Amino acid sequence: MAQSSKLLDSDVVNIAMDELKKLGAQAYVSRKLYAVIAASKHGITKVAEVYDISRTTLTEWIKHIKANEVERLRAPESRRRRTKLNQEQMWQVRNWIEENPNLTITNPCV
């Protein structure tokens, strides 16, 4: 087993697991949380190699979790995907969903 890091304790792993449950399918943050959890079992160096990131990056993620700053794992606003819909279109989609939450899109090409 890999050498254990003093920074990476069971509290950090538990917080990471709780945050994963909250996130669901948000891959950007989930990947980071899984890396932290894996580091507790396999060591920071090995996980950094597998995830193709630096030890420093992984250590920073651990520090953010340890400081209860999980929101810092999310992508900065400038790097997030922007919607292609304008406000009026967003409003219309919300109305459709409120009217019928089971609404689906049929493909007109089929």
Foldseek 3Di string as FASTA:
>chain_A
DDDADPLQDPQLLVLLVVVCVVPPPPPQLVVLSVLSNVCRVVNLVVSCVVVVHDSVVNSVCSVCSVVVNSVVSDDPPVPDDDDPDDPVVVVVVVVVCVVPVVDDDDDPVD
